[in-house]
C-alpha cells in the first residue's frame, strides 16, 4: 500500500452566501502525481487555496500523514510542507532569483540584521543545480522567460522542503520543448518522494505524468480514478456530466466581402511585411511557435503598440489606428491573451467590465449614466454567454477563468465589433467552456463578424479556422486553406525562417 500523505474530506466553503464547495476532497499518496480535474468554477482552485492557506475552510477535515490539522495561513501550510505554484507566479520581478527563492526567510550573517547574501546565492544555486537548470541566481526575475520563472518557483518550493507541491495550469504558457523539460523535472522530484497535485485542462498531458485523477463538479468531488483505467472521453463525461461528441463544432459560413486588409505592416526587430485580409463570416487562424510575433502584430493593429510602416484598410477605406480608442471606433475588438491584466479590471463588478468599452452608449449627459439600461444589457449578455455569477455586481476577480474569458468576450460583443481578434481564446479553460466559446464564435461569424484567432493549440487551429496563416520570427511564412492544413504542414511553416 502507498503511504497517504494528504486527505481532504467534506470540505465546504461559501463566499457572500454562495456555496462554492460542498463535500469536496482529495487524497494524495507519497510520490504520486494526483491530477485535479473539473470545469472552470468546479471548485478546484478554491480547494487548493484552502490547502495552501490562502482561504480558510468553513467545514470538513484536512489530514496530513494521519494527523488532523488546521491551516489558517500560508505560513501554516509552509510549516506542513505544502507549497503552491499559481498560474500567475508569485515572484517579485525587480528582485533577483535568489532573493525570490528565499524571500521572507533570508539567511542572516553573524552581524544582527544583516543578510548573508553569499550564502543565499550559494544555496539558491544548489536548488537550481538540483533541477539541472542554467539560471544566474543574481539575475532579476523580470529578465527571465516564463519557463525559467517556473523553475524558480519549483526551486523555491523544494528549498522549503515541501512534500506536497500544487501546480496550477503549469503548462499554459509553455512551448512543447519547455513542457517536456517541466515533465522531466516533475518525474525527478516525484522519484524523490515529493507528491504533486496537478491542475490542468490539457487532458492529453495526464497520460504522460499522472497517476490518478480526482474529478470535481459543481463544488463537489465526484470520483477518483487511476489514469491507466480510464480514457480521455470518460474523463470529459465525468467532468462535465454529459458527453461532448464534437470538441470543435465549426459551422460552415460562406465568407462575404472584405472587412480588413493589412498591407506590409512592419516594426523593426519585431515583425516585417505582414500582409493579409479578413472577410465577413470568416475565422482566420494565426499559428506559429511562441515568439513568432503573432500577438505583437495584433497589438499594433489594435493601436496598443506603434508600428514603423504599413497600411490598414477597413471596408476598403484606409484608416489610421494609433490607439485602442481609434481601433474601437473602426469596429475592432481585442480579446487579449492576458485576460487578467489586460482584458479585465478584476476588482470591478462583472457588469462594469462588460460595459467598459461602451460606457458612452449609456450616458444621458456628460455626467449621468443610464444605469437601468446598462444593467438590462449586462443581464442579457450574461444570459447569452452563460456567465456563471451571482449577478452583475459580483467582482470579476472571484470568477473562474472560463467565466472571466466570457466577460471579456461580452465586452466586445457589446461594442458590436465587426472585426474581433481573439488571442489564445481558450487558454486555461476546460473543455466544456471551450465548446461554449467556439459556439459564441460560430454565432458571430453567422452574423458576418470576421474573427482573427491566434492559438498555440494546433487542434484548435485546425478545428475552428477557415484559413490558416503561419508565422515564424516575425514574418508570415505560409498560408493554408483547410484542405492543405495539417499539423505537419503548419509546423513546417512555423519553423521556416524568411531570409
Protein backbone atom coordinates (compact mmCIF):
# COMPACT_ATOMS: atom_id res chain seq x y z
CA UNK A 1 0.00 0.00 0.00
CA UNK A 2 1.21 3.51 -0.84
CA UNK A 3 1.66 5.88 2.07
CA UNK A 4 -1.10 8.51 2.17
CA UNK A 5 0.31 11.99 2.83
CA UNK A 6 -2.88 14.03 2.44
CA UNK A 7 -6.59 13.57 2.87
CA UNK A 8 -9.11 16.39 2.50
CA UNK A 9 -12.71 15.35 3.13
CA UNK A 10 -16.13 17.02 3.41
CA UNK A 11 -14.60 20.44 2.73
CA UNK A 12 -17.12 23.28 2.42
CA UNK A 13 -16.69 26.97 1.62
CA UNK A 14 -19.04 29.88 0.92
CA UNK A 15 -18.47 33.41 -0.33
CA UNK A 16 -21.15 36.04 0.36
CA UNK A 17 -23.69 33.31 0.99
CA UNK A 18 -22.86 31.46 -2.24
CA UNK A 19 -21.66 27.91 -1.58
CA UNK A 20 -18.67 27.19 -3.83
CA UNK A 21 -17.52 23.97 -2.12
CA UNK A 22 -19.72 21.26 -0.70
CA UNK A 23 -18.42 17.83 0.22
CA UNK A 24 -15.16 18.38 -1.65
CA UNK A 25 -11.94 16.50 -1.06
CA UNK A 26 -8.86 14.80 -2.44
CA UNK A 27 -6.48 12.07 -1.30
CA UNK A 28 -2.79 12.07 -2.25
CA UNK A 29 -0.16 9.36 -1.79
CA UNK A 30 3.55 9.87 -1.34
CA UNK A 31 5.45 10.32 -4.60
CA UNK A 32 2.43 10.46 -6.90
CA UNK A 33 1.07 12.98 -9.36
CA UNK A 34 -2.59 13.47 -8.49
CA UNK A 35 -4.48 15.30 -11.24
CA UNK A 36 -7.29 17.61 -10.11
CA UNK A 37 -9.79 17.92 -12.96
CA UNK A 38 -13.00 19.87 -13.35
CA UNK A 39 -14.76 22.56 -15.31
CA UNK A 40 -13.99 26.20 -14.61
CA UNK A 41 -15.93 27.03 -11.46
CA UNK A 42 -15.94 23.42 -10.23
CA UNK A 43 -14.01 24.48 -7.11
CA UNK A 44 -10.50 23.16 -7.85
CA UNK A 45 -8.66 26.41 -7.17
CA UNK A 46 -10.75 27.16 -4.07
CA UNK A 47 -9.97 23.72 -2.65
CA UNK A 48 -6.25 24.22 -3.29
CA UNK A 49 -6.30 27.73 -1.81
CA UNK A 50 -7.73 26.20 1.35
CA UNK A 51 -4.92 23.63 1.37
CA UNK A 52 -2.29 26.33 0.82
CA UNK A 53 -3.72 28.65 3.49
CA UNK A 54 -4.97 31.44 1.22
CA UNK A 55 -8.57 30.67 2.29
CA UNK A 56 -9.91 29.07 5.44
CA UNK A 57 -12.49 26.30 5.17
CA UNK A 58 -15.99 26.55 6.61
CA UNK A 59 -16.16 22.84 7.35
CA UNK A 60 -14.51 19.48 6.78
CA UNK A 61 -11.17 17.94 7.70
CA UNK A 62 -7.59 18.18 6.45
CA UNK A 63 -5.41 15.23 7.45
CA UNK A 64 -1.63 15.27 6.86
CA UNK A 65 0.16 11.94 7.38
CA UNK A 66 -2.70 10.66 9.52
CA UNK A 67 -2.93 13.75 11.73
CA UNK A 68 -5.82 16.22 11.57
CA UNK A 69 -4.51 19.77 11.07
CA UNK A 70 -5.83 23.32 10.78
CA UNK A 71 -4.43 25.55 8.04
CA UNK A 72 -5.28 29.21 8.64
CA UNK A 73 -2.48 30.92 6.72
CA UNK A 74 0.16 30.27 4.05
CA UNK A 75 2.72 30.03 6.86
CA UNK A 76 0.74 27.16 8.39
CA UNK A 77 0.80 25.36 5.04
CA UNK A 78 4.51 26.02 4.60
CA UNK A 79 5.29 24.52 8.03
CA UNK A 80 3.31 21.41 6.99
CA UNK A 81 5.39 21.03 3.82
CA UNK A 82 2.80 22.37 1.36
CA UNK A 83 3.66 24.78 -1.48
CA UNK A 84 1.57 26.13 -4.34
CA UNK A 85 2.73 27.41 -7.73
CA UNK A 86 -0.02 29.59 -9.15
CA UNK A 87 -0.66 30.10 -12.85
CA UNK A 88 0.23 33.77 -12.22
CA UNK A 89 3.56 33.35 -10.45
CA UNK A 90 4.18 34.84 -7.00
CA UNK A 91 7.54 36.33 -7.88
CA UNK A 92 8.85 39.87 -7.37
CA UNK A 93 10.10 40.96 -10.81
CA UNK A 94 12.65 43.54 -9.68
CA UNK A 95 14.35 41.22 -7.20
CA UNK A 96 16.99 38.63 -8.05
CA UNK A 97 16.32 34.93 -8.48
CA UNK A 98 17.98 34.14 -5.12
CA UNK A 99 16.07 36.90 -3.31
CA UNK A 100 12.81 35.47 -4.64
CA UNK A 101 13.67 31.91 -3.61
CA UNK A 102 14.47 32.99 -0.04
CA UNK A 103 12.02 35.90 0.28
CA UNK A 104 10.96 36.29 3.92
CA UNK A 105 13.45 33.69 5.18
CA UNK A 106 16.79 35.13 4.11
CA UNK A 107 19.89 33.56 5.75
CA UNK A 108 21.37 36.03 8.25
CA UNK A 109 25.02 36.68 8.96
CA UNK A 110 26.63 36.92 12.39
CA UNK A 111 26.02 40.67 12.31
CA UNK A 112 22.48 41.34 13.64
CA UNK A 113 20.06 42.44 10.92
CA UNK A 114 22.49 41.75 8.06
CA UNK A 115 21.63 39.24 5.32
CA UNK A 116 24.29 36.70 4.33
CA UNK A 117 23.98 37.27 0.58
CA UNK A 118 26.80 34.90 -0.37
CA UNK A 119 25.11 32.01 1.43
CA UNK A 120 21.75 32.96 -0.09
CA UNK A 121 23.16 32.95 -3.65
CA UNK A 122 25.04 29.72 -2.99
CA UNK A 123 22.00 27.93 -1.54
CA UNK A 124 19.81 29.19 -4.38
CA UNK A 125 22.33 27.89 -6.89
CA UNK A 126 22.28 24.47 -5.21
CA UNK A 127 18.49 24.35 -5.51
CA UNK A 128 18.68 25.20 -9.22
CA UNK A 129 21.55 22.79 -9.83
CA UNK A 130 19.36 20.00 -8.42
CA UNK A 131 16.87 20.81 -11.18
CA UNK A 132 19.71 21.00 -13.72
CA UNK A 133 18.59 24.49 -14.73
CA UNK A 134 21.03 27.08 -16.06
CA UNK A 135 19.84 30.26 -14.33
CA UNK A 136 22.03 33.01 -12.87
CA UNK A 137 20.82 33.48 -9.29
CA UNK A 138 21.88 37.16 -9.40
CA UNK A 139 19.67 37.90 -12.40
CA UNK A 140 16.44 39.84 -11.98
CA UNK A 141 13.32 37.71 -12.33
CA UNK A 142 11.82 40.18 -14.82
CA UNK A 143 14.61 39.26 -17.26
CA UNK A 144 13.69 35.55 -17.26
CA UNK A 145 11.30 33.81 -19.63
CA UNK A 146 8.13 32.15 -18.35
CA UNK A 147 9.66 28.65 -18.31
CA UNK A 148 12.64 29.77 -16.21
CA UNK A 149 10.39 31.71 -13.85
CA UNK A 150 8.51 28.47 -13.31
CA UNK A 151 11.76 26.69 -12.46
CA UNK A 152 12.46 29.41 -9.89
CA UNK A 153 9.05 28.71 -8.32
CA UNK A 154 9.82 24.97 -8.20
CA UNK A 155 13.27 25.64 -6.71
CA UNK A 156 11.61 27.84 -4.09
CA UNK A 157 9.17 25.06 -3.18
CA UNK A 158 11.96 22.48 -2.92
CA UNK A 159 14.09 24.82 -0.80
CA UNK A 160 11.17 24.91 1.64
CA UNK A 161 11.46 21.10 1.87
CA UNK A 162 7.92 20.84 0.55
CA UNK A 163 6.47 17.35 0.45
CA UNK A 164 3.30 18.39 -1.40
CA UNK A 165 3.56 20.81 -4.35
CA UNK A 166 0.42 22.15 -6.03
CA UNK A 167 0.86 23.19 -9.68
CA UNK A 168 -1.96 25.26 -11.17
CA UNK A 169 -2.02 25.20 -15.01
CA UNK A 170 1.79 24.88 -15.17
CA UNK A 171 1.98 24.40 -18.96
CA UNK A 172 -0.48 27.14 -20.02
CA UNK A 173 2.22 29.48 -21.38
CA UNK A 174 4.98 27.00 -22.24
CA UNK A 175 6.25 25.73 -25.58
CA UNK A 176 6.26 21.99 -26.30
CA UNK A 177 10.01 21.83 -25.59
CA UNK A 178 9.56 23.64 -22.27
CA UNK A 179 6.67 21.33 -21.36
CA UNK A 180 8.87 18.28 -22.00
CA UNK A 181 11.50 19.72 -19.65
CA UNK A 182 8.90 20.51 -16.98
CA UNK A 183 7.63 16.92 -17.14
CA UNK A 184 11.20 15.69 -16.74
CA UNK A 185 11.51 17.80 -13.57
CA UNK A 186 8.17 16.52 -12.27
CA UNK A 187 9.28 12.91 -12.75
CA UNK A 188 12.55 13.67 -10.96
CA UNK A 189 11.02 15.22 -7.85
CA UNK A 190 8.30 12.58 -7.82
CA UNK A 191 11.01 9.89 -7.70
CA UNK A 192 12.38 11.64 -4.58
CA UNK A 193 9.03 11.11 -2.84
CA UNK A 194 7.51 14.54 -3.40
CA UNK A 195 3.76 14.47 -4.10
CA UNK A 196 2.28 16.75 -6.75
CA UNK A 197 -1.29 17.97 -7.16
CA UNK A 198 -1.54 18.99 -10.79
CA UNK A 199 -4.36 21.19 -12.12
CA UNK A 200 -4.70 21.35 -15.90
CA UNK A 201 -7.30 21.33 -18.66
CA UNK A 202 -4.95 19.71 -21.15
CA UNK A 203 -6.21 16.17 -20.87
CA UNK A 204 -3.57 14.77 -23.21
CA UNK A 205 -0.90 15.61 -20.58
CA UNK A 206 -2.39 13.33 -17.95
CA UNK A 207 -1.21 10.10 -19.54
CA UNK A 208 2.36 11.41 -19.61
CA UNK A 209 2.73 12.33 -15.93
CA UNK A 210 -0.40 11.46 -13.93
CA UNK A 211 -1.07 8.52 -11.63
CA UNK A 212 -4.65 9.23 -10.57
CA UNK A 213 -7.33 11.81 -11.43
CA UNK A 214 -9.75 13.33 -8.94
CA UNK A 215 -12.76 14.85 -10.70
CA UNK A 216 -14.76 17.76 -9.30
CA UNK A 217 -18.09 19.12 -10.47
CA UNK A 218 -20.20 21.98 -9.03
CA UNK A 219 -18.10 22.29 -5.88
CA UNK A 220 -18.10 18.59 -5.01
CA UNK A 221 -15.72 15.70 -5.58
CA UNK A 222 -17.27 13.14 -7.93
CA UNK A 223 -14.71 10.35 -8.02
CA UNK A 224 -11.04 9.39 -8.22
CA UNK A 225 -9.80 7.06 -10.96
CA UNK A 226 -6.45 5.62 -12.00
CA UNK A 227 -5.13 7.06 -15.27
CA UNK A 228 -4.41 3.59 -16.65
CA UNK A 229 -8.02 2.51 -16.08
CA UNK A 230 -9.80 5.29 -17.97
CA UNK A 231 -9.89 7.23 -21.24
CA UNK A 232 -9.99 10.92 -22.13
CA UNK A 233 -13.61 10.63 -23.31
CA UNK A 234 -14.62 9.07 -19.98
CA UNK A 235 -12.84 11.84 -18.06
CA UNK A 236 -14.66 14.51 -20.07
CA UNK A 237 -18.02 12.87 -19.41
CA UNK A 238 -17.29 12.65 -15.67
CA UNK A 239 -16.10 16.26 -15.60
CA UNK A 240 -18.97 17.96 -17.42
CA UNK A 241 -21.73 15.48 -16.61
CA UNK A 242 -22.51 14.95 -20.27
CA UNK A 243 -20.88 13.53 -23.37
CA UNK A 244 -19.20 16.04 -25.69
CA UNK A 245 -19.18 14.46 -29.12
CA UNK A 246 -17.73 17.36 -31.07
CA UNK A 247 -14.93 19.29 -29.39
CA UNK A 248 -14.66 21.68 -32.35
CA UNK A 249 -18.22 22.49 -33.51
CA UNK A 250 -17.25 24.55 -36.56
CA UNK A 251 -20.10 25.88 -38.70
CA UNK A 252 -19.81 26.40 -42.44
CA UNK A 253 -20.36 30.05 -43.33
CA UNK A 254 -19.72 31.40 -46.81
CA UNK A 255 -17.29 34.32 -46.38
CA UNK A 256 -18.65 37.67 -47.55
CA UNK A 257 -17.00 40.91 -48.54
CA UNK A 258 -13.59 42.00 -47.33
CA UNK A 259 -13.61 43.61 -43.88
CA UNK A 260 -9.90 44.13 -43.29
CA UNK A 261 -6.81 44.42 -45.46
CA UNK A 262 -3.38 44.81 -43.86
CA UNK A 263 -0.54 45.77 -46.20
CA UNK A 264 3.19 45.47 -45.39
CA UNK A 265 2.89 46.15 -41.66
CA UNK A 266 6.41 46.31 -40.16
CA UNK A 267 8.11 47.09 -36.88
CA UNK A 268 11.89 46.84 -36.73
CA UNK A 269 13.11 43.81 -34.84
CA UNK A 270 9.57 42.55 -34.14
CA UNK A 271 7.71 41.81 -37.40
CA UNK A 272 8.11 42.66 -41.09
CA UNK A 273 5.98 42.90 -44.23
CA UNK A 274 2.82 41.50 -42.66
CA UNK A 275 0.06 41.41 -45.28
CA UNK A 276 -3.29 39.63 -45.02
CA UNK A 277 -7.02 40.15 -45.41
CA UNK A 278 -10.13 39.09 -43.50
CA UNK A 279 -13.67 38.66 -44.81
CA UNK A 280 -17.11 38.69 -43.27
CA UNK A 281 -18.08 35.40 -41.63
CA UNK A 282 -14.50 34.07 -41.66
CA UNK A 283 -12.29 32.70 -38.88
CA UNK A 284 -8.68 33.37 -39.86
CA UNK A 285 -6.31 31.26 -37.78
CA UNK A 286 -2.86 32.62 -36.90
CA UNK A 287 -0.47 29.82 -35.97
CA UNK A 288 3.23 29.68 -35.08
CA UNK A 289 5.58 28.97 -32.22
CA UNK A 290 5.77 31.23 -29.18
CA UNK A 291 7.76 34.34 -30.03
CA UNK A 292 6.77 34.23 -33.71
CA UNK A 293 5.27 37.73 -33.46
CA UNK A 294 1.56 36.95 -33.77
CA UNK A 295 0.46 38.84 -30.65
CA UNK A 296 2.76 41.75 -31.47
CA UNK A 297 1.13 42.18 -34.89
CA UNK A 298 -2.34 42.23 -33.34
CA UNK A 299 -1.32 44.72 -30.65
CA UNK A 300 -0.05 47.04 -33.40
CA UNK A 301 -3.23 46.53 -35.43
CA UNK A 302 -5.34 47.43 -32.38
CA UNK A 303 -3.27 50.54 -31.61
CA UNK A 304 -1.74 49.24 -28.38
CA UNK A 305 1.80 49.36 -29.82
CA UNK A 306 3.24 51.53 -32.58
CA UNK A 307 4.44 50.17 -35.93
CA UNK A 308 7.01 51.69 -38.30
CA UNK A 309 5.33 51.28 -41.68
CA UNK A 310 2.40 49.70 -43.47
CA UNK A 311 -1.25 50.41 -44.21
CA UNK A 312 -4.58 49.27 -42.74
CA UNK A 313 -7.81 49.25 -44.75
CA UNK A 314 -11.24 48.60 -43.20
CA UNK A 315 -14.14 48.00 -45.61
CA UNK A 316 -11.92 49.32 -48.39
CA UNK A 317 -11.08 52.58 -46.65
CA UNK A 318 -7.58 53.42 -45.41
CA UNK A 319 -7.63 54.12 -41.67
CA UNK A 320 -5.22 55.41 -39.05
CA UNK A 321 -5.14 53.44 -35.80
CA UNK A 322 -2.78 54.80 -33.17
CA UNK A 323 -4.77 53.93 -30.05
CA UNK A 324 -7.31 51.33 -28.86
CA UNK A 325 -9.99 54.07 -28.89
CA UNK A 326 -9.39 54.57 -32.63
CA UNK A 327 -9.49 50.80 -33.11
CA UNK A 328 -12.83 50.52 -31.31
CA UNK A 329 -14.27 53.40 -33.38
CA UNK A 330 -13.24 51.49 -36.51
CA UNK A 331 -15.10 48.38 -35.36
CA UNK A 332 -12.26 46.32 -33.88
CA UNK A 333 -12.37 44.30 -30.67
CA UNK A 334 -9.46 42.53 -28.98
CA UNK A 335 -9.79 39.60 -26.56
CA UNK A 336 -6.22 39.69 -25.26
CA UNK A 337 -4.06 36.72 -24.34
CA UNK A 338 -3.58 38.02 -20.78
CA UNK A 339 -7.20 38.41 -19.69
CA UNK A 340 -6.38 39.09 -16.03
CA UNK A 341 -4.02 42.02 -16.62
CA UNK A 342 -5.21 43.40 -19.98
CA UNK A 343 -8.75 42.17 -20.52
CA UNK A 344 -10.38 42.74 -17.13
CA UNK A 345 -10.38 45.07 -14.15
CA UNK A 346 -10.55 42.33 -11.53
CA UNK A 347 -11.72 44.43 -8.54
CA UNK A 348 -14.62 45.78 -10.63
CA UNK A 349 -18.05 44.18 -10.96
CA UNK A 350 -18.84 41.74 -13.76
CA UNK A 351 -21.29 44.26 -15.20
CA UNK A 352 -18.89 47.20 -15.19
CA UNK A 353 -16.32 45.08 -17.03
CA UNK A 354 -18.86 44.17 -19.72
CA UNK A 355 -19.75 47.80 -20.48
CA UNK A 356 -16.23 49.18 -20.02
CA UNK A 357 -15.61 49.68 -23.75
CA UNK A 358 -19.08 51.09 -24.48
CA UNK A 359 -19.85 53.30 -21.50
CA UNK A 360 -20.63 56.27 -23.77
CA UNK A 361 -23.67 54.37 -25.03
CA UNK A 362 -25.26 54.66 -21.59
CA UNK A 363 -24.55 58.32 -20.92
CA UNK A 364 -27.66 60.51 -20.66
CA UNK A 365 -25.34 63.51 -20.49
CA UNK A 366 -21.61 64.02 -19.71
CA UNK A 367 -22.11 63.22 -16.01
CA UNK A 368 -25.11 60.87 -15.89
CA UNK A 369 -25.25 57.15 -16.75
CA UNK A 370 -28.48 55.34 -17.59
CA UNK A 371 -27.90 52.52 -15.10
CA UNK A 372 -31.26 50.89 -15.77
CA UNK A 373 -30.46 50.37 -19.46
CA UNK A 374 -26.88 49.36 -18.61
CA UNK A 375 -27.95 46.65 -16.12
CA UNK A 376 -30.61 45.38 -18.55
CA UNK A 377 -27.99 44.93 -21.30
CA UNK A 378 -25.49 43.38 -18.88
CA UNK A 379 -28.00 40.75 -17.79
CA UNK A 380 -28.77 39.94 -21.44
CA UNK A 381 -25.08 39.34 -22.20
CA UNK A 382 -24.63 37.30 -19.02
CA UNK A 383 -27.54 35.11 -20.07
CA UNK A 384 -26.43 34.88 -23.71
CA UNK A 385 -22.91 33.74 -22.77
CA UNK A 386 -23.99 31.72 -19.70
CA UNK A 387 -21.68 33.70 -17.41
CA UNK A 388 -21.99 31.92 -14.08
CA UNK A 389 -22.04 34.58 -11.40
CA UNK A 390 -24.39 35.54 -8.60
CA UNK A 391 -25.28 38.66 -10.59
CA UNK A 392 -23.88 41.76 -12.34
CA UNK A 393 -22.39 43.08 -9.10
CA UNK A 394 -20.13 40.12 -8.28
CA UNK A 395 -16.44 41.02 -8.54
CA UNK A 396 -14.85 39.74 -11.76
CA UNK A 397 -11.78 38.54 -9.87
CA UNK A 398 -13.83 36.00 -7.92
CA UNK A 399 -14.99 34.12 -11.03
CA UNK A 400 -13.36 31.12 -12.68
CA UNK A 401 -11.06 31.51 -15.68
CA UNK A 402 -13.68 30.38 -18.18
CA UNK A 403 -16.26 32.83 -16.87
CA UNK A 404 -13.69 35.63 -16.86
CA UNK A 405 -12.97 34.86 -20.52
CA UNK A 406 -16.67 35.08 -21.30
CA UNK A 407 -16.80 38.52 -19.64
CA UNK A 408 -14.04 39.76 -21.95
CA UNK A 409 -15.91 38.40 -24.96
CA UNK A 410 -19.15 40.01 -23.72
CA UNK A 411 -17.33 43.35 -23.51
CA UNK A 412 -16.53 43.21 -27.22
CA UNK A 413 -19.92 41.82 -28.17
CA UNK A 414 -21.50 44.84 -26.52
CA UNK A 415 -19.31 47.10 -28.67
CA UNK A 416 -20.75 45.49 -31.84
CA UNK A 417 -17.24 44.86 -33.21
CA UNK A 418 -17.21 43.77 -36.84
CA UNK A 419 -13.61 42.55 -36.57
CA UNK A 420 -12.77 40.54 -33.47
CA UNK A 421 -9.22 39.50 -32.57
CA UNK A 422 -9.09 36.60 -30.10
CA UNK A 423 -5.64 35.78 -28.74
CA UNK A 424 -5.44 32.28 -27.17
CA UNK A 425 -9.23 32.36 -26.55
CA UNK A 426 -9.41 29.06 -24.64
CA UNK A 427 -6.09 29.01 -22.77
CA UNK A 428 -6.51 27.69 -19.25
CA UNK A 429 -10.19 26.80 -19.52
CA UNK A 430 -11.95 23.45 -19.51
CA UNK A 431 -13.30 21.52 -22.47
CA UNK A 432 -16.93 22.40 -21.73
CA UNK A 433 -16.20 26.15 -21.57
CA UNK A 434 -14.10 25.81 -24.74
CA UNK A 435 -17.10 24.47 -26.64
CA UNK A 436 -19.19 27.35 -25.26
CA UNK A 437 -16.67 29.86 -26.62
CA UNK A 438 -16.49 28.08 -30.01
CA UNK A 439 -20.28 28.30 -30.25
CA UNK A 440 -20.11 32.03 -29.46
CA UNK A 441 -17.59 32.40 -32.30
CA UNK A 442 -19.95 30.44 -34.56
CA UNK A 443 -22.82 32.78 -33.73
CA UNK A 444 -20.63 35.80 -34.51
CA UNK A 445 -19.47 34.59 -37.93
CA UNK A 446 -23.08 33.76 -38.83
CA UNK A 447 -23.80 37.47 -38.25
CA UNK A 448 -20.94 38.49 -40.57
CA UNK A 449 -18.27 39.23 -37.97
CA UNK A 450 -14.71 38.46 -39.08
CA UNK A 451 -12.56 36.73 -36.44
CA UNK A 452 -8.78 36.57 -36.22
CA UNK A 453 -7.88 33.70 -33.89
CA UNK A 454 -4.37 33.30 -32.50
CA UNK A 455 -3.84 29.88 -30.96
CA UNK A 456 -0.89 27.73 -29.98
CA UNK A 457 -3.13 24.64 -29.92
CA UNK A 458 -2.94 23.07 -33.37
CA UNK A 459 -6.14 21.00 -32.96
CA UNK A 460 -7.98 24.27 -32.20
CA UNK A 461 -6.50 25.98 -35.26
CA UNK A 462 -7.41 23.02 -37.46
CA UNK A 463 -10.83 22.56 -35.90
CA UNK A 464 -12.11 26.15 -36.00
CA UNK A 465 -10.34 28.04 -38.82
CA UNK A 466 -11.41 28.72 -42.41
CA UNK A 467 -7.86 29.65 -43.41
CA UNK A 468 -4.55 29.48 -41.57
CA UNK A 469 -1.65 31.92 -41.67
CA UNK A 470 1.60 30.70 -40.14
CA UNK A 471 4.27 32.98 -38.70
CA UNK A 472 7.93 32.40 -37.89
CA UNK A 473 10.30 35.01 -36.45
CA UNK A 474 8.17 37.99 -37.29
CA UNK A 475 7.15 37.01 -40.82
CA UNK A 476 4.23 35.20 -42.43
CA UNK A 477 5.79 32.06 -43.88
CA UNK A 478 2.71 30.22 -45.12
CA UNK A 479 -0.98 30.47 -45.94
CA UNK A 480 -3.04 27.27 -45.96
CA UNK A 481 -6.63 26.53 -46.85
CA UNK A 482 -8.25 23.81 -44.78
CA UNK A 483 -7.66 21.14 -47.43
CA UNK A 484 -3.91 21.82 -47.16
CA UNK A 485 -3.77 22.43 -43.43
CA UNK A 486 -2.35 19.70 -41.21
CA UNK A 487 -0.20 19.67 -38.09
CA UNK A 488 2.79 18.65 -40.20
CA UNK A 489 2.31 21.43 -42.77
CA UNK A 490 1.75 24.07 -40.09
CA UNK A 491 4.90 23.03 -38.21
CA UNK A 492 6.85 23.08 -41.47
CA UNK A 493 5.99 26.77 -41.99
CA UNK A 494 6.30 27.56 -38.27
CA UNK A 495 9.99 26.65 -38.42
CA UNK A 496 10.70 28.19 -41.85
CA UNK A 497 12.61 31.44 -41.47
CA UNK A 498 12.19 34.06 -44.22
CA UNK A 499 15.54 35.36 -45.47
